[in-house]
Structures are given as C-alpha cells and as structure tokens.
Amino acid sequence: MGRGDIADNWTYNNNWSPDGSPTPGSNVALTFTGTTRLTPYNDYAGFQPWQSIIFDANAGSFTISSATGANWDLYFKIENLSTNSQPINIDAILLKSSNNGNEFDPTNGNLTINVKEHLHQSTLTVFGTRTLTINNTGGSGIQQGGKLSLGSNSAGFTGTVQLNGANSYTGGTTMFGGTLAVGNNSTLGTGNLTVSGGVDTITAVNGARTITNNIVFSGSSLTFAGSNNSTINGSLTGGIRLTERSTTRLPAPC
C-alpha cells in the first residue's frame, strides 16, 4: 500500500520531538499528543519492537495506519489516556511480554484495533472504563496459547471489550468485571470463560450468538443483556449465578 503524503510517515524526522524518528527497541515507548498530523503512517518495514504505544491525555483523535508487513513486536501495552477515540490499522501485533503480560487499555477513551492477527503466549489484559474493539480483518485473530483477561485480581474492569472476529487462542477468558460483547460464535477461542469478580455482563452483537465455551463461576455473577439472543452450548460449573436480560438458551441439565 502506498502513501501520498510522506510527511505522515513514522520515519519522517520532523514528526517526532525532540530527537527525530525513533529507533525501534523493546524499551522505546511512542507517545502521540496534540492535534497535528492525526493520520500517522507506520512505514517501518517488518516486525519492529516497541515497548508501548500511548495516546496521552492531550491527544486528538488519531488514526494510525500501516504499510503492508509493517508490524509490531509489542513488549508492554497500547493505552488511550485521552477522551478521543483512537483506531489502529495493522496486519499483525506479536505480543512479546514475558512477565505480567501485555495490555490493551481504553483508559479514558475508546480504542479500536483492526488487525489480522495477534500472536501471544501469555496474558492479554484489558484495563479501563471505555470500549476496546478488536476487529479481525481477515487473518487468524487472537491465537496461540495465550489468554484474555478483562481486569485482574488487583484491578477490575468497568468498560467493554467487543470481539468481532473468530479467534483461536486456547488459554481461556477471565472476567473481573465489565461487559464482553460477543460478535462471532468463535470469538472466545477454545478455553473456558471464567467469571471471577466485579459486575460481569455478556451481550451478543452483530446478531444472535452461540457460546460453545464452558463457563466457570468463581465468586461472581454473570448477566446476559442486549436485544440479540444468546445460546450457551458449553457447561456451567461453580457457584452458578446467572441473570437473563435477553433471550438466553441454556444447556440441558446433566
């Protein structure tokens, strides 16, 4: 994919302060701020390492796009500290954290990631109060052995995570609060869905949805809400506390 305005390119020195275009590195965080050049174009070829991608509190509404094959090795997080929506368009993000996992954080504003695949082996955790939307744009989605967590034991989640594509990750999904918007019947991979704390809600989007994952209740309740039907084909175990505010078909008793 070509780009008509070279001044939007990440490799253009004048776009960065104070030292010109950054040299990629696992300890390098890129911060976007202000309202100038709101359509930055990631033109670093291949998988390049970055610690974090941050939209600070003063950031306008950026739209990041990427050249074909211009991908990220992400060592920590993507976070939106502004109140503006921030969409990111990229082929692939390789989640590389080997410690506490990676984060996608819609802290104060919405964050949309349009991507073919996330490859990860650890935990992808979401913190914040707004909406994270992950759109699978034609690849394998969230895959490999990692797991997805809405919040954590130490910090819950009160926003929304909307997953619109089919994913194949095997480590399961854990909810510590918030809303999980299910936009595809295979969006939660193949592991368990564990309800562990906070106020937890699932809603079917883009039509009726069937959830085949087993649901494990671990000290919290789960509400099914919204106008679309939800069908649960997996088992329900643990101290089951379930509220239906939409049409929900439950598995037959064993």
C-alpha atoms as a PDB file:
ATOM      1  CA  MET A   1       0.000   0.000   0.000  1.00  0.00           C
ATOM      2  CA  GLY A   2       1.419   3.375  -0.951  1.00  0.00           C
ATOM      3  CA  ARG A   3       1.188   6.678   0.859  1.00  0.00           C
ATOM      4  CA  GLY A   4       0.736  10.019  -0.869  1.00  0.00           C
ATOM      5  CA  ASP A   5       1.894  12.337   1.940  1.00  0.00           C
ATOM      6  CA  ILE A   6       5.360  11.376   3.153  1.00  0.00           C
ATOM      7  CA  ALA A   7       5.062  13.908   6.000  1.00  0.00           C
ATOM      8  CA  ASP A   8       2.715  11.499   7.830  1.00  0.00           C
ATOM      9  CA  ASN A   9       5.297   8.700   7.801  1.00  0.00           C
ATOM     10  CA  TRP A  10       6.756   7.477  11.090  1.00  0.00           C
ATOM     11  CA  THR A  11      10.229   7.552   9.545  1.00  0.00           C
ATOM     12  CA  TYR A  12       9.906  11.283   8.784  1.00  0.00           C
ATOM     13  CA  ASN A  13      12.138  13.005  11.360  1.00  0.00           C
ATOM     14  CA  ASN A  14      10.064  16.176  11.694  1.00  0.00           C
ATOM     15  CA  ASN A  15       7.108  14.215  13.102  1.00  0.00           C
ATOM     16  CA  TRP A  16       8.923  13.407  16.339  1.00  0.00           C
ATOM     17  CA  SER A  17      10.163  15.565  19.206  1.00  0.00           C
ATOM     18  CA  PRO A  18      12.856  16.067  20.333  1.00  0.00           C
ATOM     19  CA  ASP A  19      15.148  13.618  18.544  1.00  0.00           C
ATOM     20  CA  GLY A  20      13.588  12.771  15.197  1.00  0.00           C
ATOM     21  CA  SER A  21      12.134   9.406  14.179  1.00  0.00           C
ATOM     22  CA  PRO A  22      12.784   6.820  16.893  1.00  0.00           C
ATOM     23  CA  THR A  23      14.990   3.778  16.599  1.00  0.00           C
ATOM     24  CA  PRO A  24      12.805   0.743  17.375  1.00  0.00           C
ATOM     25  CA  GLY A  25      13.535  -1.033  20.640  1.00  0.00           C
ATOM     26  CA  SER A  26      11.809  -3.096  23.308  1.00  0.00           C
ATOM     27  CA  ASN A  27      12.251  -0.216  25.803  1.00  0.00           C
ATOM     28  CA  VAL A  28      11.003   2.523  23.447  1.00  0.00           C
ATOM     29  CA  ALA A  29       7.523   3.944  24.081  1.00  0.00           C
ATOM     30  CA  LEU A  30       5.852   6.036  21.373  1.00  0.00           C
ATOM     31  CA  THR A  31       3.580   8.826  22.656  1.00  0.00           C
ATOM     32  CA  PHE A  32       1.013  10.598  20.486  1.00  0.00           C
ATOM     33  CA  THR A  33      -0.204  14.030  21.586  1.00  0.00           C
ATOM     34  CA  GLY A  34      -1.799  17.191  20.210  1.00  0.00           C
ATOM     35  CA  THR A  35      -3.887  17.677  17.086  1.00  0.00           C
ATOM     36  CA  THR A  36      -1.255  17.901  14.337  1.00  0.00           C
ATOM     37  CA  ARG A  37      -0.712  15.067  11.827  1.00  0.00           C
ATOM     38  CA  LEU A  38      -3.658  12.979  13.002  1.00  0.00           C
ATOM     39  CA  THR A  39      -3.133  10.269  10.335  1.00  0.00           C
ATOM     40  CA  PRO A  40       0.344   8.880  11.144  1.00  0.00           C
ATOM     41  CA  TYR A  41       1.562   6.139   8.813  1.00  0.00           C
ATOM     42  CA  ASN A  42       3.619   3.275  10.225  1.00  0.00           C
ATOM     43  CA  ASP A  43       6.180   2.637   7.472  1.00  0.00           C
ATOM     44  CA  TYR A  44       8.832   0.748   9.462  1.00  0.00           C
ATOM     45  CA  ALA A  45       9.280  -2.467   7.453  1.00  0.00           C
ATOM     46  CA  GLY A  46       8.874  -5.878   9.082  1.00  0.00           C
ATOM     47  CA  PHE A  47       8.206  -6.641  12.759  1.00  0.00           C
ATOM     48  CA  GLN A  48       9.663  -3.768  14.798  1.00  0.00           C
ATOM     49  CA  PRO A  49       9.936  -3.810  18.619  1.00  0.00           C
ATOM     50  CA  TRP A  50       8.172  -1.171  20.722  1.00  0.00           C
ATOM     51  CA  GLN A  51       7.563  -1.123  24.450  1.00  0.00           C
ATOM     52  CA  SER A  52       4.275   0.788  24.286  1.00  0.00           C
ATOM     53  CA  ILE A  53       2.011   2.896  22.086  1.00  0.00           C
ATOM     54  CA  ILE A  54       0.483   5.681  24.205  1.00  0.00           C
ATOM     55  CA  PHE A  55      -2.131   8.312  23.360  1.00  0.00           C
ATOM     56  CA  ASP A  56      -1.685  10.887  26.133  1.00  0.00           C
ATOM     57  CA  ALA A  57      -4.427  12.967  27.755  1.00  0.00           C
ATOM     58  CA  ASN A  58      -3.970  15.782  25.204  1.00  0.00           C
ATOM     59  CA  ALA A  59      -4.115  13.578  22.111  1.00  0.00           C
ATOM     60  CA  GLY A  60      -6.600  14.405  19.391  1.00  0.00           C
ATOM     61  CA  SER A  61      -8.358  11.621  17.521  1.00  0.00           C
ATOM     62  CA  PHE A  62      -5.537   9.878  15.681  1.00  0.00           C
ATOM     63  CA  THR A  63      -5.934   7.170  13.050  1.00  0.00           C
ATOM     64  CA  ILE A  64      -2.814   5.027  12.740  1.00  0.00           C
ATOM     65  CA  SER A  65      -2.449   3.086   9.502  1.00  0.00           C
ATOM     66  CA  SER A  66       0.369   0.804   8.430  1.00  0.00           C
ATOM     67  CA  ALA A  67       2.170  -0.333   5.310  1.00  0.00           C
ATOM     68  CA  THR A  68       1.692  -3.978   4.354  1.00  0.00           C
ATOM     69  CA  GLY A  69       4.050  -6.013   6.533  1.00  0.00           C
ATOM     70  CA  ALA A  70       4.837  -3.087   8.846  1.00  0.00           C
ATOM     71  CA  ASN A  71       4.037  -4.858  12.112  1.00  0.00           C
ATOM     72  CA  TRP A  72       4.803  -4.578  15.830  1.00  0.00           C
ATOM     73  CA  ASP A  73       6.534  -6.653  18.444  1.00  0.00           C
ATOM     74  CA  LEU A  74       4.784  -5.185  21.497  1.00  0.00           C
ATOM     75  CA  TYR A  75       6.547  -5.579  24.841  1.00  0.00           C
ATOM     76  CA  PHE A  76       4.002  -3.878  27.131  1.00  0.00           C
ATOM     77  CA  LYS A  77       0.842  -2.021  26.177  1.00  0.00           C
ATOM     78  CA  ILE A  78      -1.332   0.141  23.978  1.00  0.00           C
ATOM     79  CA  GLU A  79      -3.158   2.753  26.071  1.00  0.00           C
ATOM     80  CA  ASN A  80      -5.587   5.597  25.381  1.00  0.00           C
ATOM     81  CA  LEU A  81      -5.396   8.259  28.089  1.00  0.00           C
ATOM     82  CA  SER A  82      -7.357  10.797  26.037  1.00  0.00           C
ATOM     83  CA  THR A  83     -11.135  11.001  25.778  1.00  0.00           C
ATOM     84  CA  ASN A  84     -10.963  10.762  21.973  1.00  0.00           C
ATOM     85  CA  SER A  85     -11.368   7.506  20.060  1.00  0.00           C
ATOM     86  CA  GLN A  86      -8.137   6.029  18.693  1.00  0.00           C
ATOM     87  CA  PRO A  87      -8.293   3.499  15.803  1.00  0.00           C
ATOM     88  CA  ILE A  88      -5.223   1.466  14.799  1.00  0.00           C
ATOM     89  CA  ASN A  89      -4.928  -0.423  11.494  1.00  0.00           C
ATOM     90  CA  ILE A  90      -2.162  -3.015  11.194  1.00  0.00           C
ATOM     91  CA  ASP A  91      -1.588  -6.516   9.810  1.00  0.00           C
ATOM     92  CA  ALA A  92      -0.176  -8.151  12.947  1.00  0.00           C
ATOM     93  CA  ILE A  93       0.886  -7.493  16.532  1.00  0.00           C
ATOM     94  CA  LEU A  94       3.154 -10.021  18.211  1.00  0.00           C
ATOM     95  CA  LEU A  95       2.613  -9.779  21.987  1.00  0.00           C
ATOM     96  CA  LYS A  96       6.044 -10.291  23.472  1.00  0.00           C
ATOM     97  CA  SER A  97       5.782  -9.651  27.219  1.00  0.00           C
ATOM     98  CA  SER A  98       7.341 -12.475  29.217  1.00  0.00           C
ATOM     99  CA  ASN A  99       6.490 -11.090  32.667  1.00  0.00           C
ATOM    100  CA  ASN A 100       2.988  -9.866  33.531  1.00  0.00           C
ATOM    101  CA  GLY A 101       1.585  -9.957  30.014  1.00  0.00           C
ATOM    102  CA  ASN A 102       0.534  -7.295  27.560  1.00  0.00           C
ATOM    103  CA  GLU A 103      -2.225  -4.706  27.924  1.00  0.00           C
ATOM    104  CA  PHE A 104      -4.712  -3.010  25.612  1.00  0.00           C
ATOM    105  CA  ASP A 105      -6.140  -0.214  27.788  1.00  0.00           C
ATOM    106  CA  PRO A 106      -9.095   2.027  26.823  1.00  0.00           C
ATOM    107  CA  THR A 107      -8.404   4.001  29.996  1.00  0.00           C
ATOM    108  CA  ASN A 108     -10.304   7.225  29.247  1.00  0.00           C
ATOM    109  CA  GLY A 109     -11.322   6.844  25.605  1.00  0.00           C
ATOM    110  CA  ASN A 110     -12.285   4.144  23.124  1.00  0.00           C
ATOM    111  CA  LEU A 111      -9.581   2.083  21.423  1.00  0.00           C
ATOM    112  CA  THR A 112     -10.197   0.177  18.182  1.00  0.00           C
ATOM    113  CA  ILE A 113      -7.648  -2.261  16.788  1.00  0.00           C
ATOM    114  CA  ASN A 114      -8.218  -3.537  13.262  1.00  0.00           C
ATOM    115  CA  VAL A 115      -5.748  -6.384  12.809  1.00  0.00           C
ATOM    116  CA  LYS A 116      -5.364  -9.719  11.052  1.00  0.00           C
ATOM    117  CA  GLU A 117      -3.660 -11.494  13.923  1.00  0.00           C
ATOM    118  CA  HIS A 118      -2.352 -11.167  17.476  1.00  0.00           C
ATOM    119  CA  LEU A 119       0.160 -13.864  18.312  1.00  0.00           C
ATOM    120  CA  HIS A 120       0.709 -14.358  22.023  1.00  0.00           C
ATOM    121  CA  GLN A 121       1.680 -16.986  24.555  1.00  0.00           C
ATOM    122  CA  SER A 122       0.956 -15.153  27.812  1.00  0.00           C
ATOM    123  CA  THR A 123      -1.911 -12.930  29.016  1.00  0.00           C
ATOM    124  CA  LEU A 124      -3.546 -10.019  27.223  1.00  0.00           C
ATOM    125  CA  THR A 125      -5.185  -7.888  29.929  1.00  0.00           C
ATOM    126  CA  VAL A 126      -7.618  -5.015  29.399  1.00  0.00           C
ATOM    127  CA  PHE A 127      -7.937  -2.168  31.907  1.00  0.00           C
ATOM    128  CA  GLY A 128     -10.024   0.984  31.705  1.00  0.00           C
ATOM    129  CA  THR A 129     -13.511   2.442  31.657  1.00  0.00           C
ATOM    130  CA  ARG A 130     -14.238   2.742  27.941  1.00  0.00           C
ATOM    131  CA  THR A 131     -14.525   0.341  24.966  1.00  0.00           C
ATOM    132  CA  LEU A 132     -11.840  -1.796  23.363  1.00  0.00           C
ATOM    133  CA  THR A 133     -12.937  -3.164  19.983  1.00  0.00           C
ATOM    134  CA  ILE A 134     -10.830  -5.773  18.197  1.00  0.00           C
ATOM    135  CA  ASN A 135     -11.789  -6.416  14.582  1.00  0.00           C
ATOM    136  CA  ASN A 136     -10.261  -9.407  12.819  1.00  0.00           C
ATOM    137  CA  THR A 137      -9.602  -8.089   9.313  1.00  0.00           C
ATOM    138  CA  GLY A 138      -9.039 -11.407   7.582  1.00  0.00           C
ATOM    139  CA  GLY A 139      -6.395 -13.455   9.389  1.00  0.00           C
ATOM    140  CA  SER A 140      -6.336 -15.784  12.380  1.00  0.00           C
ATOM    141  CA  GLY A 141      -7.338 -13.273  15.071  1.00  0.00           C
ATOM    142  CA  ILE A 142      -6.100 -13.755  18.640  1.00  0.00           C
ATOM    143  CA  GLN A 143      -4.262 -17.055  18.543  1.00  0.00           C
ATOM    144  CA  GLN A 144      -1.752 -19.447  20.094  1.00  0.00           C
ATOM    145  CA  GLY A 145      -1.676 -20.394  23.771  1.00  0.00           C
ATOM    146  CA  GLY A 146      -2.383 -17.095  25.463  1.00  0.00           C
ATOM    147  CA  LYS A 147      -5.395 -15.971  27.457  1.00  0.00           C
ATOM    148  CA  LEU A 148      -7.567 -12.870  27.613  1.00  0.00           C
ATOM    149  CA  SER A 149      -8.391 -11.122  30.888  1.00  0.00           C
ATOM    150  CA  LEU A 150     -10.847  -8.274  31.484  1.00  0.00           C
ATOM    151  CA  GLY A 151      -9.185  -6.654  34.505  1.00  0.00           C
ATOM    152  CA  SER A 152      -7.241  -8.593  37.126  1.00  0.00           C
ATOM    153  CA  ASN A 153      -7.392  -9.701  40.755  1.00  0.00           C
ATOM    154  CA  SER A 154      -5.925  -6.362  41.842  1.00  0.00           C
ATOM    155  CA  ALA A 155      -7.717  -4.046  39.412  1.00  0.00           C
ATOM    156  CA  GLY A 156     -11.158  -4.730  37.979  1.00  0.00           C
ATOM    157  CA  PHE A 157     -12.535  -3.605  34.652  1.00  0.00           C
ATOM    158  CA  THR A 158     -15.623  -1.431  34.101  1.00  0.00           C
ATOM    159  CA  GLY A 159     -15.532  -0.898  30.337  1.00  0.00           C
ATOM    160  CA  THR A 160     -16.467  -3.038  27.336  1.00  0.00           C
ATOM    161  CA  VAL A 161     -14.431  -5.430  25.218  1.00  0.00           C
ATOM    162  CA  GLN A 162     -16.010  -6.140  21.838  1.00  0.00           C
ATOM    163  CA  LEU A 163     -14.524  -9.006  19.820  1.00  0.00           C
ATOM    164  CA  ASN A 164     -15.829  -9.152  16.270  1.00  0.00           C
ATOM    165  CA  GLY A 165     -13.805 -11.936  14.675  1.00  0.00           C
ATOM    166  CA  ALA A 166     -13.092 -15.643  15.034  1.00  0.00           C
ATOM    167  CA  ASN A 167     -10.163 -16.328  17.375  1.00  0.00           C
ATOM    168  CA  SER A 168      -8.216 -19.486  18.170  1.00  0.00           C
ATOM    169  CA  TYR A 169      -6.435 -18.735  21.457  1.00  0.00           C
ATOM    170  CA  THR A 170      -6.515 -21.672  23.873  1.00  0.00           C
ATOM    171  CA  GLY A 171      -5.777 -20.142  27.291  1.00  0.00           C
ATOM    172  CA  GLY A 172      -9.339 -19.061  28.082  1.00  0.00           C
ATOM    173  CA  THR A 173     -11.030 -15.784  29.016  1.00  0.00           C
ATOM    174  CA  THR A 174     -11.401 -14.381  32.536  1.00  0.00           C
ATOM    175  CA  MET A 175     -13.751 -11.576  33.562  1.00  0.00           C
ATOM    176  CA  PHE A 176     -13.066  -9.369  36.572  1.00  0.00           C
ATOM    177  CA  GLY A 177     -15.904  -7.006  35.689  1.00  0.00           C
ATOM    178  CA  GLY A 178     -17.098  -5.164  32.613  1.00  0.00           C
ATOM    179  CA  THR A 179     -19.013  -6.161  29.514  1.00  0.00           C
ATOM    180  CA  LEU A 180     -17.909  -8.732  26.962  1.00  0.00           C
ATOM    181  CA  ALA A 181     -19.567  -8.092  23.609  1.00  0.00           C
ATOM    182  CA  VAL A 182     -19.503 -11.284  21.548  1.00  0.00           C
ATOM    183  CA  GLY A 183     -19.518 -10.539  17.826  1.00  0.00           C
ATOM    184  CA  ASN A 184     -18.685 -14.000  16.463  1.00  0.00           C
ATOM    185  CA  ASN A 185     -19.541 -17.539  17.568  1.00  0.00           C
ATOM    186  CA  SER A 186     -15.818 -18.408  17.737  1.00  0.00           C
ATOM    187  CA  THR A 187     -14.618 -15.144  19.236  1.00  0.00           C
ATOM    188  CA  LEU A 188     -13.629 -16.590  22.656  1.00  0.00           C
ATOM    189  CA  GLY A 189     -11.226 -19.224  21.357  1.00  0.00           C
ATOM    190  CA  THR A 190     -11.383 -22.725  22.845  1.00  0.00           C
ATOM    191  CA  GLY A 191     -10.675 -22.294  26.566  1.00  0.00           C
ATOM    192  CA  ASN A 192     -13.041 -21.729  29.493  1.00  0.00           C
ATOM    193  CA  LEU A 193     -14.836 -18.473  30.180  1.00  0.00           C
ATOM    194  CA  THR A 194     -14.225 -17.795  33.891  1.00  0.00           C
ATOM    195  CA  VAL A 195     -16.355 -15.282  35.807  1.00  0.00           C
ATOM    196  CA  SER A 196     -14.194 -14.149  38.717  1.00  0.00           C
ATOM    197  CA  GLY A 197     -15.259 -10.769  40.072  1.00  0.00           C
ATOM    198  CA  GLY A 198     -16.900  -7.405  39.569  1.00  0.00           C
ATOM    199  CA  VAL A 199     -20.122  -6.813  37.655  1.00  0.00           C
ATOM    200  CA  ASP A 200     -19.921  -9.109  34.622  1.00  0.00           C
ATOM    201  CA  THR A 201     -22.125  -8.838  31.537  1.00  0.00           C
ATOM    202  CA  ILE A 202     -22.185 -10.603  28.199  1.00  0.00           C
ATOM    203  CA  THR A 203     -24.058  -9.248  25.220  1.00  0.00           C
ATOM    204  CA  ALA A 204     -24.444 -10.683  21.727  1.00  0.00           C
ATOM    205  CA  VAL A 205     -23.679  -8.190  18.953  1.00  0.00           C
ATOM    206  CA  ASN A 206     -23.992  -8.341  15.162  1.00  0.00           C
ATOM    207  CA  GLY A 207     -26.864 -10.818  15.548  1.00  0.00           C
ATOM    208  CA  ALA A 208     -27.655 -13.829  17.722  1.00  0.00           C
ATOM    209  CA  ARG A 209     -24.624 -15.671  19.122  1.00  0.00           C
ATOM    210  CA  THR A 210     -23.787 -19.199  20.305  1.00  0.00           C
ATOM    211  CA  ILE A 211     -21.144 -19.607  23.019  1.00  0.00           C
ATOM    212  CA  THR A 212     -19.564 -23.047  22.989  1.00  0.00           C
ATOM    213  CA  ASN A 213     -17.023 -22.356  25.737  1.00  0.00           C
ATOM    214  CA  ASN A 214     -17.544 -23.895  29.177  1.00  0.00           C
ATOM    215  CA  ILE A 215     -18.417 -21.195  31.740  1.00  0.00           C
ATOM    216  CA  VAL A 216     -16.854 -21.426  35.194  1.00  0.00           C
ATOM    217  CA  PHE A 217     -18.293 -19.303  38.017  1.00  0.00           C
ATOM    218  CA  SER A 218     -15.656 -18.337  40.582  1.00  0.00           C
ATOM    219  CA  GLY A 219     -17.172 -15.933  43.101  1.00  0.00           C
ATOM    220  CA  SER A 220     -19.174 -13.668  40.796  1.00  0.00           C
ATOM    221  CA  SER A 221     -22.407 -13.494  38.814  1.00  0.00           C
ATOM    222  CA  LEU A 222     -22.993 -13.134  35.093  1.00  0.00           C
ATOM    223  CA  THR A 223     -25.715 -11.194  33.301  1.00  0.00           C
ATOM    224  CA  PHE A 224     -26.754 -11.777  29.689  1.00  0.00           C
ATOM    225  CA  ALA A 225     -28.079  -8.491  28.295  1.00  0.00           C
ATOM    226  CA  GLY A 226     -28.969  -6.871  24.986  1.00  0.00           C
ATOM    227  CA  SER A 227     -31.569  -7.395  22.281  1.00  0.00           C
ATOM    228  CA  ASN A 228     -29.921 -10.350  20.493  1.00  0.00           C
ATOM    229  CA  ASN A 229     -30.363 -13.982  21.527  1.00  0.00           C
ATOM    230  CA  SER A 230     -27.530 -15.892  23.195  1.00  0.00           C
ATOM    231  CA  THR A 231     -27.217 -19.694  23.235  1.00  0.00           C
ATOM    232  CA  ILE A 232     -24.838 -21.417  25.668  1.00  0.00           C
ATOM    233  CA  ASN A 233     -23.680 -24.805  24.431  1.00  0.00           C
ATOM    234  CA  GLY A 234     -20.865 -25.290  26.952  1.00  0.00           C
ATOM    235  CA  SER A 235     -21.234 -26.481  30.533  1.00  0.00           C
ATOM    236  CA  LEU A 236     -21.923 -24.268  33.566  1.00  0.00           C
ATOM    237  CA  THR A 237     -19.899 -25.067  36.691  1.00  0.00           C
ATOM    238  CA  GLY A 238     -19.073 -23.479  40.044  1.00  0.00           C
ATOM    239  CA  GLY A 239     -21.403 -21.397  42.160  1.00  0.00           C
ATOM    240  CA  ILE A 240     -23.698 -20.505  39.269  1.00  0.00           C
ATOM    241  CA  ARG A 241     -25.287 -17.059  39.498  1.00  0.00           C
ATOM    242  CA  LEU A 242     -26.883 -16.147  36.205  1.00  0.00           C
ATOM    243  CA  THR A 243     -29.227 -13.288  35.253  1.00  0.00           C
ATOM    244  CA  GLU A 244     -31.019 -13.129  31.905  1.00  0.00           C
ATOM    245  CA  ARG A 245     -31.979  -9.745  30.475  1.00  0.00           C
ATOM    246  CA  SER A 246     -32.022 -11.092  26.927  1.00  0.00           C
ATOM    247  CA  THR A 247     -33.265 -14.360  25.429  1.00  0.00           C
ATOM    248  CA  THR A 248     -30.706 -16.931  26.592  1.00  0.00           C
ATOM    249  CA  ARG A 249     -30.816 -20.635  25.812  1.00  0.00           C
ATOM    250  CA  LEU A 250     -29.014 -22.663  28.487  1.00  0.00           C
ATOM    251  CA  PRO A 251     -27.569 -26.169  28.171  1.00  0.00           C
ATOM    252  CA  ALA A 252     -29.798 -29.024  29.300  1.00  0.00           C
ATOM    253  CA  PRO A 253     -29.197 -30.214  32.907  1.00  0.00           C
ATOM    254  CA  CYS A 254     -26.801 -33.162  33.229  1.00  0.00           C
END
